[in-house]
PDB file of N, CA and C in Angstrom:
ATOM      1  N   ALA A   1      39.571 -28.597  17.961  1.00  0.00           N
ATOM      2  CA  ALA A   1      40.815 -27.861  18.043  1.00  0.00           C
ATOM      3  C   ALA A   1      41.396 -27.594  16.648  1.00  0.00           C
ATOM      4  N   ARG A   2      41.062 -28.428  15.697  1.00  0.00           N
ATOM      5  CA  ARG A   2      41.623 -28.254  14.351  1.00  0.00           C
ATOM      6  C   ARG A   2      41.064 -27.043  13.628  1.00  0.00           C
ATOM      7  N   ASN A   3      39.930 -26.519  14.078  1.00  0.00           N
ATOM      8  CA  ASN A   3      39.331 -25.384  13.401  1.00  0.00           C
ATOM      9  C   ASN A   3      39.734 -24.047  14.010  1.00  0.00           C
ATOM     10  N   THR A   4      40.753 -24.023  14.841  1.00  0.00           N
ATOM     11  CA  THR A   4      41.192 -22.756  15.404  1.00  0.00           C
ATOM     12  C   THR A   4      41.854 -21.934  14.305  1.00  0.00           C
ATOM     13  N   ASP A   5      41.871 -20.610  14.524  1.00  0.00           N
ATOM     14  CA  ASP A   5      42.496 -19.728  13.538  1.00  0.00           C
ATOM     15  C   ASP A   5      43.936 -20.124  13.263  1.00  0.00           C
ATOM     16  N   GLN A   6      44.639 -20.523  14.310  1.00  0.00           N
ATOM     17  CA  GLN A   6      46.046 -20.866  14.131  1.00  0.00           C
ATOM     18  C   GLN A   6      46.222 -22.052  13.184  1.00  0.00           C
ATOM     19  N   ASN A   7      45.284 -22.961  13.168  1.00  0.00           N
ATOM     20  CA  ASN A   7      45.350 -24.078  12.225  1.00  0.00           C
ATOM     21  C   ASN A   7      44.820 -23.689  10.852  1.00  0.00           C
ATOM     22  N   LEU A   8      43.706 -22.959  10.836  1.00  0.00           N
ATOM     23  CA  LEU A   8      43.111 -22.572   9.559  1.00  0.00           C
ATOM     24  C   LEU A   8      44.021 -21.630   8.763  1.00  0.00           C
ATOM     25  N   PHE A   9      44.724 -20.766   9.463  1.00  0.00           N
ATOM     26  CA  PHE A   9      45.578 -19.766   8.813  1.00  0.00           C
ATOM     27  C   PHE A   9      47.036 -19.999   9.174  1.00  0.00           C
ATOM     28  N   TYR A  10      47.429 -21.249   9.142  1.00  0.00           N
ATOM     29  CA  TYR A  10      48.756 -21.656   9.594  1.00  0.00           C
ATOM     30  C   TYR A  10      49.885 -20.862   8.950  1.00  0.00           C
ATOM     31  N   THR A  11      49.847 -20.686   7.633  1.00  0.00           N
ATOM     32  CA  THR A  11      50.970 -20.032   6.962  1.00  0.00           C
ATOM     33  C   THR A  11      51.114 -18.578   7.408  1.00  0.00           C
ATOM     34  N   PHE A  12      50.006 -17.900   7.655  1.00  0.00           N
ATOM     35  CA  PHE A  12      50.090 -16.528   8.131  1.00  0.00           C
ATOM     36  C   PHE A  12      50.677 -16.483   9.543  1.00  0.00           C
ATOM     37  N   TYR A  13      50.193 -17.348  10.416  1.00  0.00           N
ATOM     38  CA  TYR A  13      50.730 -17.399  11.784  1.00  0.00           C
ATOM     39  C   TYR A  13      52.212 -17.766  11.766  1.00  0.00           C
ATOM     40  N   ARG A  14      52.588 -18.640  10.877  1.00  0.00           N
ATOM     41  CA  ARG A  14      53.995 -19.037  10.767  1.00  0.00           C
ATOM     42  C   ARG A  14      54.858 -17.844  10.338  1.00  0.00           C
ATOM     43  N   ARG A  15      54.376 -17.089   9.370  1.00  0.00           N
ATOM     44  CA  ARG A  15      55.113 -15.904   8.921  1.00  0.00           C
ATOM     45  C   ARG A  15      55.235 -14.874  10.041  1.00  0.00           C
ATOM     46  N   MET A  16      54.180 -14.740  10.832  1.00  0.00           N
ATOM     47  CA  MET A  16      54.245 -13.830  11.976  1.00  0.00           C
ATOM     48  C   MET A  16      55.305 -14.299  12.970  1.00  0.00           C
ATOM     49  N   ALA A  17      55.278 -15.576  13.281  1.00  0.00           N
ATOM     50  CA  ALA A  17      56.242 -16.124  14.242  1.00  0.00           C
ATOM     51  C   ALA A  17      57.678 -15.929  13.763  1.00  0.00           C
ATOM     52  N   GLU A  18      57.894 -16.109  12.466  1.00  0.00           N
ATOM     53  CA  GLU A  18      59.244 -15.944  11.927  1.00  0.00           C
ATOM     54  C   GLU A  18      59.769 -14.523  12.121  1.00  0.00           C
ATOM     55  N   LYS A  19      58.881 -13.546  12.138  1.00  0.00           N
ATOM     56  CA  LYS A  19      59.305 -12.158  12.319  1.00  0.00           C
ATOM     57  C   LYS A  19      59.393 -11.743  13.790  1.00  0.00           C
ATOM     58  N   VAL A  20      58.730 -12.486  14.672  1.00  0.00           N
ATOM     59  CA  VAL A  20      58.624 -12.059  16.072  1.00  0.00           C
ATOM     60  C   VAL A  20      59.490 -12.876  17.034  1.00  0.00           C
ATOM     61  N   VAL A  21      59.633 -14.173  16.808  1.00  0.00           N
ATOM     62  CA  VAL A  21      60.284 -15.036  17.797  1.00  0.00           C
ATOM     63  C   VAL A  21      61.733 -14.637  18.065  1.00  0.00           C
ATOM     64  N   TRP A  22      62.518 -14.403  17.039  1.00  0.00           N
ATOM     65  CA  TRP A  22      63.928 -14.064  17.256  1.00  0.00           C
ATOM     66  C   TRP A  22      64.089 -12.743  18.006  1.00  0.00           C
ATOM     67  N   PRO A  23      63.413 -11.651  17.581  1.00  0.00           N
ATOM     68  CA  PRO A  23      63.530 -10.414  18.359  1.00  0.00           C
ATOM     69  C   PRO A  23      63.043 -10.578  19.803  1.00  0.00           C
ATOM     70  N   TRP A  24      61.970 -11.339  19.998  1.00  0.00           N
ATOM     71  CA  TRP A  24      61.469 -11.583  21.360  1.00  0.00           C
ATOM     72  C   TRP A  24      62.535 -12.290  22.187  1.00  0.00           C
ATOM     73  N   ALA A  25      63.144 -13.337  21.628  1.00  0.00           N
ATOM     74  CA  ALA A  25      64.176 -14.079  22.365  1.00  0.00           C
ATOM     75  C   ALA A  25      65.357 -13.165  22.710  1.00  0.00           C
ATOM     76  N   GLN A  26      65.748 -12.314  21.787  1.00  0.00           N
ATOM     77  CA  GLN A  26      66.838 -11.371  22.059  1.00  0.00           C
ATOM     78  C   GLN A  26      66.449 -10.397  23.174  1.00  0.00           C
ATOM     79  N   ASN A  27      65.210  -9.950  23.160  1.00  0.00           N
ATOM     80  CA  ASN A  27      64.725  -9.055  24.211  1.00  0.00           C
ATOM     81  C   ASN A  27      64.709  -9.756  25.570  1.00  0.00           C
ATOM     82  N   VAL A  28      64.334 -11.019  25.587  1.00  0.00           N
ATOM     83  CA  VAL A  28      64.323 -11.783  26.840  1.00  0.00           C
ATOM     84  C   VAL A  28      65.741 -11.929  27.383  1.00  0.00           C
ATOM     85  N   VAL A  29      66.688 -12.269  26.522  1.00  0.00           N
ATOM     86  CA  VAL A  29      68.084 -12.401  26.952  1.00  0.00           C
ATOM     87  C   VAL A  29      68.594 -11.072  27.507  1.00  0.00           C
ATOM     88  N   ALA A  30      68.281  -9.974  26.828  1.00  0.00           N
ATOM     89  CA  ALA A  30      68.689  -8.647  27.316  1.00  0.00           C
ATOM     90  C   ALA A  30      68.041  -8.365  28.675  1.00  0.00           C
ATOM     91  N   GLY A  31      66.805  -8.772  28.833  1.00  0.00           N
ATOM     92  CA  GLY A  31      66.112  -8.608  30.111  1.00  0.00           C
ATOM     93  C   GLY A  31      66.776  -9.412  31.215  1.00  0.00           C
ATOM     94  N   PHE A  32      67.174 -10.650  30.910  1.00  0.00           N
ATOM     95  CA  PHE A  32      67.893 -11.468  31.887  1.00  0.00           C
ATOM     96  C   PHE A  32      69.191 -10.790  32.310  1.00  0.00           C
ATOM     97  N   GLU A  33      69.907 -10.243  31.341  1.00  0.00           N
ATOM     98  CA  GLU A  33      71.174  -9.573  31.648  1.00  0.00           C
ATOM     99  C   GLU A  33      70.947  -8.394  32.589  1.00  0.00           C
ATOM    100  N   LYS A  34      69.917  -7.610  32.338  1.00  0.00           N
ATOM    101  CA  LYS A  34      69.608  -6.477  33.215  1.00  0.00           C
ATOM    102  C   LYS A  34      69.233  -6.959  34.615  1.00  0.00           C
ATOM    103  N   MET A  35      68.420  -8.018  34.677  1.00  0.00           N
ATOM    104  CA  MET A  35      67.989  -8.535  35.972  1.00  0.00           C
ATOM    105  C   MET A  35      69.159  -9.141  36.748  1.00  0.00           C
ATOM    106  N   LYS A  36      70.073  -9.791  36.047  1.00  0.00           N
ATOM    107  CA  LYS A  36      71.268 -10.325  36.706  1.00  0.00           C
ATOM    108  C   LYS A  36      72.121  -9.205  37.267  1.00  0.00           C
ATOM    109  N   ALA A  37      72.285  -8.149  36.487  1.00  0.00           N
ATOM    110  CA  ALA A  37      73.115  -7.024  36.904  1.00  0.00           C
ATOM    111  C   ALA A  37      72.554  -6.325  38.136  1.00  0.00           C
ATOM    112  N   THR A  38      71.244  -6.342  38.300  1.00  0.00           N
ATOM    113  CA  THR A  38      70.621  -5.674  39.450  1.00  0.00           C
ATOM    114  C   THR A  38      70.293  -6.641  40.584  1.00  0.00           C
ATOM    115  N   GLY A  39      70.678  -7.908  40.425  1.00  0.00           N
ATOM    116  CA  GLY A  39      70.440  -8.891  41.478  1.00  0.00           C
ATOM    117  C   GLY A  39      69.012  -9.383  41.577  1.00  0.00           C
ATOM    118  N   GLN A  40      68.215  -9.187  40.541  1.00  0.00           N
ATOM    119  CA  GLN A  40      66.818  -9.627  40.562  1.00  0.00           C
ATOM    120  C   GLN A  40      66.652 -11.110  40.257  1.00  0.00           C
ATOM    121  N   LEU A  41      67.670 -11.729  39.696  1.00  0.00           N
ATOM    122  CA  LEU A  41      67.600 -13.162  39.419  1.00  0.00           C
ATOM    123  C   LEU A  41      68.410 -13.897  40.478  1.00  0.00           C
ATOM    124  N   GLY A  42      67.787 -14.843  41.094  1.00  0.00           N
ATOM    125  CA  GLY A  42      68.461 -15.609  42.123  1.00  0.00           C
ATOM    126  C   GLY A  42      68.482 -17.084  41.783  1.00  0.00           C
ATOM    127  N   PRO A  43      68.666 -17.911  42.785  1.00  0.00           N
ATOM    128  CA  PRO A  43      68.775 -19.358  42.564  1.00  0.00           C
ATOM    129  C   PRO A  43      67.433 -20.070  42.398  1.00  0.00           C
ATOM    130  N   THR A  44      66.335 -19.335  42.494  1.00  0.00           N
ATOM    131  CA  THR A  44      65.008 -19.944  42.420  1.00  0.00           C
ATOM    132  C   THR A  44      64.477 -19.941  40.987  1.00  0.00           C
ATOM    133  N   SER A  45      63.887 -21.057  40.571  1.00  0.00           N
ATOM    134  CA  SER A  45      63.249 -21.133  39.250  1.00  0.00           C
ATOM    135  C   SER A  45      62.048 -20.193  39.220  1.00  0.00           C
ATOM    136  N   ARG A  46      61.820 -19.615  38.051  1.00  0.00           N
ATOM    137  CA  ARG A  46      60.704 -18.688  37.882  1.00  0.00           C
ATOM    138  C   ARG A  46      60.060 -18.891  36.524  1.00  0.00           C
ATOM    139  N   GLU A  47      58.845 -18.380  36.424  1.00  0.00           N
ATOM    140  CA  GLU A  47      58.115 -18.426  35.160  1.00  0.00           C
ATOM    141  C   GLU A  47      57.406 -17.086  34.985  1.00  0.00           C
ATOM    142  N   TRP A  48      57.500 -16.545  33.768  1.00  0.00           N
ATOM    143  CA  TRP A  48      56.805 -15.302  33.434  1.00  0.00           C
ATOM    144  C   TRP A  48      55.856 -15.588  32.277  1.00  0.00           C
ATOM    145  N   VAL A  49      54.618 -15.143  32.397  1.00  0.00           N
ATOM    146  CA  VAL A  49      53.622 -15.315  31.332  1.00  0.00           C
ATOM    147  C   VAL A  49      53.048 -13.942  30.991  1.00  0.00           C
ATOM    148  N   THR A  50      53.177 -13.589  29.731  1.00  0.00           N
ATOM    149  CA  THR A  50      52.604 -12.339  29.235  1.00  0.00           C
ATOM    150  C   THR A  50      51.654 -12.694  28.095  1.00  0.00           C
ATOM    151  N   VAL A  51      50.450 -12.154  28.152  1.00  0.00           N
ATOM    152  CA  VAL A  51      49.474 -12.355  27.084  1.00  0.00           C
ATOM    153  C   VAL A  51      49.239 -11.007  26.416  1.00  0.00           C
ATOM    154  N   LEU A  52      49.362 -10.997  25.103  1.00  0.00           N
ATOM    155  CA  LEU A  52      49.149  -9.771  24.327  1.00  0.00           C
ATOM    156  C   LEU A  52      47.940  -9.911  23.423  1.00  0.00           C
ATOM    157  N   GLU A  53      47.294  -8.793  23.187  1.00  0.00           N
ATOM    158  CA  GLU A  53      46.349  -8.701  22.078  1.00  0.00           C
ATOM    159  C   GLU A  53      47.074  -7.892  21.014  1.00  0.00           C
ATOM    160  N   VAL A  54      47.239  -8.494  19.867  1.00  0.00           N
ATOM    161  CA  VAL A  54      47.889  -7.833  18.738  1.00  0.00           C
ATOM    162  C   VAL A  54      46.790  -7.414  17.773  1.00  0.00           C
ATOM    163  N   ILE A  55      46.818  -6.145  17.390  1.00  0.00           N
ATOM    164  CA  ILE A  55      45.804  -5.614  16.484  1.00  0.00           C
ATOM    165  C   ILE A  55      46.498  -5.176  15.195  1.00  0.00           C
ATOM    166  N   LEU A  56      46.015  -5.713  14.079  1.00  0.00           N
ATOM    167  CA  LEU A  56      46.548  -5.398  12.755  1.00  0.00           C
ATOM    168  C   LEU A  56      45.443  -4.788  11.912  1.00  0.00           C
ATOM    169  N   ASP A  57      45.833  -3.949  10.950  1.00  0.00           N
ATOM    170  CA  ASP A  57      44.828  -3.489   9.998  1.00  0.00           C
ATOM    171  C   ASP A  57      44.637  -4.572   8.937  1.00  0.00           C
ATOM    172  N   GLU A  58      43.756  -4.328   7.991  1.00  0.00           N
ATOM    173  CA  GLU A  58      43.418  -5.354   6.991  1.00  0.00           C
ATOM    174  C   GLU A  58      44.591  -5.708   6.081  1.00  0.00           C
ATOM    175  N   LYS A  59      45.625  -4.869   6.060  1.00  0.00           N
ATOM    176  CA  LYS A  59      46.810  -5.149   5.245  1.00  0.00           C
ATOM    177  C   LYS A  59      47.926  -5.816   6.047  1.00  0.00           C
ATOM    178  N   GLY A  60      47.705  -5.972   7.356  1.00  0.00           N
ATOM    179  CA  GLY A  60      48.694  -6.629   8.196  1.00  0.00           C
ATOM    180  C   GLY A  60      49.641  -5.691   8.911  1.00  0.00           C
ATOM    181  N   ASN A  61      49.380  -4.394   8.854  1.00  0.00           N
ATOM    182  CA  ASN A  61      50.216  -3.432   9.560  1.00  0.00           C
ATOM    183  C   ASN A  61      49.844  -3.413  11.042  1.00  0.00           C
ATOM    184  N   LEU A  62      50.853  -3.360  11.893  1.00  0.00           N
ATOM    185  CA  LEU A  62      50.623  -3.350  13.330  1.00  0.00           C
ATOM    186  C   LEU A  62      49.967  -2.045  13.752  1.00  0.00           C
ATOM    187  N   ILE A  63      48.843  -2.162  14.426  1.00  0.00           N
ATOM    188  CA  ILE A  63      48.160  -1.017  15.015  1.00  0.00           C
ATOM    189  C   ILE A  63      48.544  -0.916  16.481  1.00  0.00           C
ATOM    190  N   ASP A  64      48.523  -2.049  17.174  1.00  0.00           N
ATOM    191  CA  ASP A  64      48.846  -2.056  18.600  1.00  0.00           C
ATOM    192  C   ASP A  64      49.205  -3.465  19.046  1.00  0.00           C
ATOM    193  N   ALA A  65      50.034  -3.528  20.061  1.00  0.00           N
ATOM    194  CA  ALA A  65      50.345  -4.786  20.758  1.00  0.00           C
ATOM    195  C   ALA A  65      50.203  -4.452  22.226  1.00  0.00           C
ATOM    196  N   ARG A  66      49.063  -4.806  22.800  1.00  0.00           N
ATOM    197  CA  ARG A  66      48.763  -4.387  24.171  1.00  0.00           C
ATOM    198  C   ARG A  66      48.678  -5.585  25.114  1.00  0.00           C
ATOM    199  N   PRO A  67      49.322  -5.459  26.251  1.00  0.00           N
ATOM    200  CA  PRO A  67      49.270  -6.548  27.237  1.00  0.00           C
ATOM    201  C   PRO A  67      47.864  -6.747  27.779  1.00  0.00           C
ATOM    202  N   MET A  68      47.448  -7.993  27.826  1.00  0.00           N
ATOM    203  CA  MET A  68      46.163  -8.370  28.413  1.00  0.00           C
ATOM    204  C   MET A  68      46.390  -9.007  29.777  1.00  0.00           C
ATOM    205  N   GLN A  69      47.545  -9.645  29.930  1.00  0.00           N
ATOM    206  CA  GLN A  69      47.946 -10.263  31.204  1.00  0.00           C
ATOM    207  C   GLN A  69      49.435  -9.998  31.356  1.00  0.00           C
ATOM    208  N   LEU A  70      49.821  -9.442  32.476  1.00  0.00           N
ATOM    209  CA  LEU A  70      51.218  -9.107  32.703  1.00  0.00           C
ATOM    210  C   LEU A  70      51.928 -10.200  33.492  1.00  0.00           C
ATOM    211  N   ALA A  71      53.197 -10.381  33.183  1.00  0.00           N
ATOM    212  CA  ALA A  71      54.017 -11.360  33.891  1.00  0.00           C
ATOM    213  C   ALA A  71      54.464 -10.823  35.244  1.00  0.00           C
ATOM    214  N   GLY A  72      54.444  -9.511  35.392  1.00  0.00           N
ATOM    215  CA  GLY A  72      54.846  -8.922  36.658  1.00  0.00           C
ATOM    216  C   GLY A  72      56.277  -8.420  36.670  1.00  0.00           C
ATOM    217  N   ASP A  73      56.953  -8.510  35.554  1.00  0.00           N
ATOM    218  CA  ASP A  73      58.301  -7.975  35.437  1.00  0.00           C
ATOM    219  C   ASP A  73      58.347  -7.154  34.162  1.00  0.00           C
ATOM    220  N   SER A  74      58.761  -5.901  34.283  1.00  0.00           N
ATOM    221  CA  SER A  74      58.708  -5.014  33.126  1.00  0.00           C
ATOM    222  C   SER A  74      59.549  -5.518  31.958  1.00  0.00           C
ATOM    223  N   GLU A  75      60.705  -6.118  32.226  1.00  0.00           N
ATOM    224  CA  GLU A  75      61.556  -6.631  31.144  1.00  0.00           C
ATOM    225  C   GLU A  75      60.843  -7.739  30.369  1.00  0.00           C
ATOM    226  N   MET A  76      60.225  -8.664  31.080  1.00  0.00           N
ATOM    227  CA  MET A  76      59.547  -9.782  30.425  1.00  0.00           C
ATOM    228  C   MET A  76      58.255  -9.335  29.753  1.00  0.00           C
ATOM    229  N   ASP A  77      57.584  -8.329  30.317  1.00  0.00           N
ATOM    230  CA  ASP A  77      56.349  -7.833  29.712  1.00  0.00           C
ATOM    231  C   ASP A  77      56.614  -6.993  28.470  1.00  0.00           C
ATOM    232  N   LEU A  78      57.719  -6.273  28.454  1.00  0.00           N
ATOM    233  CA  LEU A  78      58.046  -5.445  27.292  1.00  0.00           C
ATOM    234  C   LEU A  78      58.672  -6.239  26.150  1.00  0.00           C
ATOM    235  N   ALA A  79      59.250  -7.392  26.440  1.00  0.00           N
ATOM    236  CA  ALA A  79      59.935  -8.181  25.407  1.00  0.00           C
ATOM    237  C   ALA A  79      59.031  -8.514  24.217  1.00  0.00           C
ATOM    238  N   PRO A  80      57.832  -9.055  24.421  1.00  0.00           N
ATOM    239  CA  PRO A  80      57.000  -9.352  23.243  1.00  0.00           C
ATOM    240  C   PRO A  80      56.429  -8.102  22.581  1.00  0.00           C
ATOM    241  N   VAL A  81      56.094  -7.087  23.364  1.00  0.00           N
ATOM    242  CA  VAL A  81      55.578  -5.843  22.787  1.00  0.00           C
ATOM    243  C   VAL A  81      56.624  -5.245  21.853  1.00  0.00           C
ATOM    244  N   SER A  82      57.864  -5.183  22.330  1.00  0.00           N
ATOM    245  CA  SER A  82      58.953  -4.640  21.509  1.00  0.00           C
ATOM    246  C   SER A  82      59.179  -5.460  20.245  1.00  0.00           C
ATOM    247  N   ALA A  83      59.064  -6.777  20.363  1.00  0.00           N
ATOM    248  CA  ALA A  83      59.265  -7.644  19.194  1.00  0.00           C
ATOM    249  C   ALA A  83      58.226  -7.355  18.114  1.00  0.00           C
ATOM    250  N   PHE A  84      56.969  -7.174  18.504  1.00  0.00           N
ATOM    251  CA  PHE A  84      55.941  -6.853  17.515  1.00  0.00           C
ATOM    252  C   PHE A  84      56.162  -5.474  16.915  1.00  0.00           C
ATOM    253  N   LYS A  85      56.584  -4.526  17.744  1.00  0.00           N
ATOM    254  CA  LYS A  85      56.844  -3.176  17.226  1.00  0.00           C
ATOM    255  C   LYS A  85      58.023  -3.187  16.257  1.00  0.00           C
ATOM    256  N   GLN A  86      59.010  -4.029  16.492  1.00  0.00           N
ATOM    257  CA  GLN A  86      60.129  -4.163  15.566  1.00  0.00           C
ATOM    258  C   GLN A  86      59.659  -4.739  14.229  1.00  0.00           C
ATOM    259  N   ALA A  87      58.767  -5.711  14.286  1.00  0.00           N
ATOM    260  CA  ALA A  87      58.282  -6.367  13.062  1.00  0.00           C
ATOM    261  C   ALA A  87      57.442  -5.419  12.211  1.00  0.00           C
ATOM    262  N   LYS A  88      56.628  -4.599  12.820  1.00  0.00           N
ATOM    263  CA  LYS A  88      55.806  -3.556  12.193  1.00  0.00           C
ATOM    264  C   LYS A  88      54.677  -4.034  11.298  1.00  0.00           C
ATOM    265  N   SER A  89      54.918  -5.018  10.453  1.00  0.00           N
ATOM    266  CA  SER A  89      53.847  -5.452   9.547  1.00  0.00           C
ATOM    267  C   SER A  89      53.980  -6.926   9.215  1.00  0.00           C
ATOM    268  N   PHE A  90      52.837  -7.490   8.866  1.00  0.00           N
ATOM    269  CA  PHE A  90      52.731  -8.909   8.528  1.00  0.00           C
ATOM    270  C   PHE A  90      51.870  -8.995   7.269  1.00  0.00           C
ATOM    271  N   PRO A  91      52.494  -8.812   6.104  1.00  0.00           N
ATOM    272  CA  PRO A  91      51.748  -8.686   4.847  1.00  0.00           C
ATOM    273  C   PRO A  91      50.865  -9.892   4.503  1.00  0.00           C
ATOM    274  N   ASN A  92      49.865  -9.591   3.735  1.00  0.00           N
ATOM    275  CA  ASN A  92      48.946 -10.585   3.167  1.00  0.00           C
ATOM    276  C   ASN A  92      48.192 -11.428   4.197  1.00  0.00           C
ATOM    277  N   PRO A  93      47.557 -10.791   5.175  1.00  0.00           N
ATOM    278  CA  PRO A  93      46.752 -11.601   6.099  1.00  0.00           C
ATOM    279  C   PRO A  93      45.503 -12.122   5.387  1.00  0.00           C
ATOM    280  N   PRO A  94      45.010 -13.271   5.777  1.00  0.00           N
ATOM    281  CA  PRO A  94      43.781 -13.790   5.169  1.00  0.00           C
ATOM    282  C   PRO A  94      42.604 -12.836   5.429  1.00  0.00           C
ATOM    283  N   GLU A  95      41.838 -12.577   4.410  1.00  0.00           N
ATOM    284  CA  GLU A  95      40.671 -11.691   4.531  1.00  0.00           C
ATOM    285  C   GLU A  95      39.707 -12.166   5.607  1.00  0.00           C
ATOM    286  N   GLU A  96      39.631 -13.474   5.802  1.00  0.00           N
ATOM    287  CA  GLU A  96      38.701 -14.049   6.772  1.00  0.00           C
ATOM    288  C   GLU A  96      39.048 -13.676   8.217  1.00  0.00           C
ATOM    289  N   MET A  97      40.259 -13.205   8.437  1.00  0.00           N
ATOM    290  CA  MET A  97      40.679 -12.837   9.790  1.00  0.00           C
ATOM    291  C   MET A  97      40.221 -11.429  10.176  1.00  0.00           C
ATOM    292  N   VAL A  98      39.826 -10.625   9.193  1.00  0.00           N
ATOM    293  CA  VAL A  98      39.391  -9.260   9.475  1.00  0.00           C
ATOM    294  C   VAL A  98      38.010  -9.315  10.134  1.00  0.00           C
ATOM    295  N   GLU A  99      37.921  -8.692  11.301  1.00  0.00           N
ATOM    296  CA  GLU A  99      36.662  -8.706  12.056  1.00  0.00           C
ATOM    297  C   GLU A  99      35.765  -7.541  11.664  1.00  0.00           C
ATOM    298  N   ASP A 100      34.583  -7.488  12.235  1.00  0.00           N
ATOM    299  CA  ASP A 100      33.592  -6.466  11.879  1.00  0.00           C
ATOM    300  C   ASP A 100      34.093  -5.042  12.064  1.00  0.00           C
ATOM    301  N   ASP A 101      35.035  -4.835  12.988  1.00  0.00           N
ATOM    302  CA  ASP A 101      35.551  -3.485  13.216  1.00  0.00           C
ATOM    303  C   ASP A 101      36.636  -3.090  12.208  1.00  0.00           C
ATOM    304  N   GLY A 102      36.942  -4.008  11.259  1.00  0.00           N
ATOM    305  CA  GLY A 102      37.931  -3.726  10.226  1.00  0.00           C
ATOM    306  C   GLY A 102      39.358  -4.085  10.613  1.00  0.00           C
ATOM    307  N   TYR A 103      39.532  -4.676  11.785  1.00  0.00           N
ATOM    308  CA  TYR A 103      40.863  -5.035  12.269  1.00  0.00           C
ATOM    309  C   TYR A 103      40.977  -6.532  12.520  1.00  0.00           C
ATOM    310  N   ILE A 104      42.207  -6.981  12.579  1.00  0.00           N
ATOM    311  CA  ILE A 104      42.519  -8.361  12.936  1.00  0.00           C
ATOM    312  C   ILE A 104      42.976  -8.340  14.394  1.00  0.00           C
ATOM    313  N   HIS A 105      42.346  -9.162  15.211  1.00  0.00           N
ATOM    314  CA  HIS A 105      42.685  -9.247  16.636  1.00  0.00           C
ATOM    315  C   HIS A 105      43.248 -10.642  16.909  1.00  0.00           C
ATOM    316  N   ILE A 106      44.465 -10.672  17.414  1.00  0.00           N
ATOM    317  CA  ILE A 106      45.119 -11.948  17.695  1.00  0.00           C
ATOM    318  C   ILE A 106      45.650 -11.907  19.120  1.00  0.00           C
ATOM    319  N   ARG A 107      45.439 -12.978  19.860  1.00  0.00           N
ATOM    320  CA  ARG A 107      46.005 -13.079  21.205  1.00  0.00           C
ATOM    321  C   ARG A 107      47.197 -14.010  21.166  1.00  0.00           C
ATOM    322  N   TYR A 108      48.267 -13.539  21.769  1.00  0.00           N
ATOM    323  CA  TYR A 108      49.496 -14.327  21.860  1.00  0.00           C
ATOM    324  C   TYR A 108      49.870 -14.496  23.317  1.00  0.00           C
ATOM    325  N   ARG A 109      50.368 -15.657  23.634  1.00  0.00           N
ATOM    326  CA  ARG A 109      50.841 -15.955  24.986  1.00  0.00           C
ATOM    327  C   ARG A 109      52.338 -16.226  24.901  1.00  0.00           C
ATOM    328  N   PHE A 110      53.112 -15.489  25.679  1.00  0.00           N
ATOM    329  CA  PHE A 110      54.562 -15.649  25.735  1.00  0.00           C
ATOM    330  C   PHE A 110      54.936 -16.146  27.120  1.00  0.00           C
ATOM    331  N   VAL A 111      55.667 -17.254  27.167  1.00  0.00           N
ATOM    332  CA  VAL A 111      56.071 -17.848  28.439  1.00  0.00           C
ATOM    333  C   VAL A 111      57.588 -17.946  28.473  1.00  0.00           C
ATOM    334  N   VAL A 112      58.157 -17.472  29.579  1.00  0.00           N
ATOM    335  CA  VAL A 112      59.606 -17.575  29.792  1.00  0.00           C
ATOM    336  C   VAL A 112      59.811 -18.387  31.065  1.00  0.00           C
ATOM    337  N   TYR A 113      60.588 -19.449  30.949  1.00  0.00           N
ATOM    338  CA  TYR A 113      60.954 -20.280  32.095  1.00  0.00           C
ATOM    339  C   TYR A 113      62.415 -19.993  32.446  1.00  0.00           C
ATOM    340  N   TYR A 114      62.672 -19.772  33.718  1.00  0.00           N
ATOM    341  CA  TYR A 114      64.043 -19.548  34.196  1.00  0.00           C
ATOM    342  C   TYR A 114      64.360 -20.642  35.198  1.00  0.00           C
ATOM    343  N   HIS A 115      65.356 -21.459  34.857  1.00  0.00           N
ATOM    344  CA  HIS A 115      65.790 -22.543  35.738  1.00  0.00           C
ATOM    345  C   HIS A 115      67.308 -22.437  35.887  1.00  0.00           C
ATOM    346  N   PRO A 116      67.777 -21.752  36.912  1.00  0.00           N
ATOM    347  CA  PRO A 116      69.219 -21.594  37.080  1.00  0.00           C
ATOM    348  C   PRO A 116      69.900 -22.937  37.338  1.00  0.00           C
ATOM    349  N   GLY A 117      71.064 -23.067  36.807  1.00  0.00           N
ATOM    350  CA  GLY A 117      71.846 -24.290  37.037  1.00  0.00           C
ATOM    351  C   GLY A 117      71.506 -25.440  36.122  1.00  0.00           C
ATOM    352  N   ARG A 118      70.610 -25.227  35.185  1.00  0.00           N
ATOM    353  CA  ARG A 118      70.266 -26.321  34.247  1.00  0.00           C
ATOM    354  C   ARG A 118      70.993 -26.136  32.945  1.00  0.00           C
TER     355      ARG A 118
END
């Protein structure tokens, strides 16, 4: 497990997270507000999981953030995509991350837990 890209290239992944986590969290909160307003959130606990493939060029510019697994709710599925689009670029990626096609491919998993009354 120690040889995973996330461990080998920790500082790059950390810089990415610093640019994405806050916008993603804001998008999730906005999504909750919309769902509350339309009555889509009830008293039952829920979990949403969205998996993205993020594609960067060799300089760290965002090429695409495409869902690989959908959570089943458009607000929760769009939250991470929008966060990456807001970030736009992640400068100075390690050269070792560039694959044979000339791009960096990263999979991210975003999980939102909703527990009303907690």
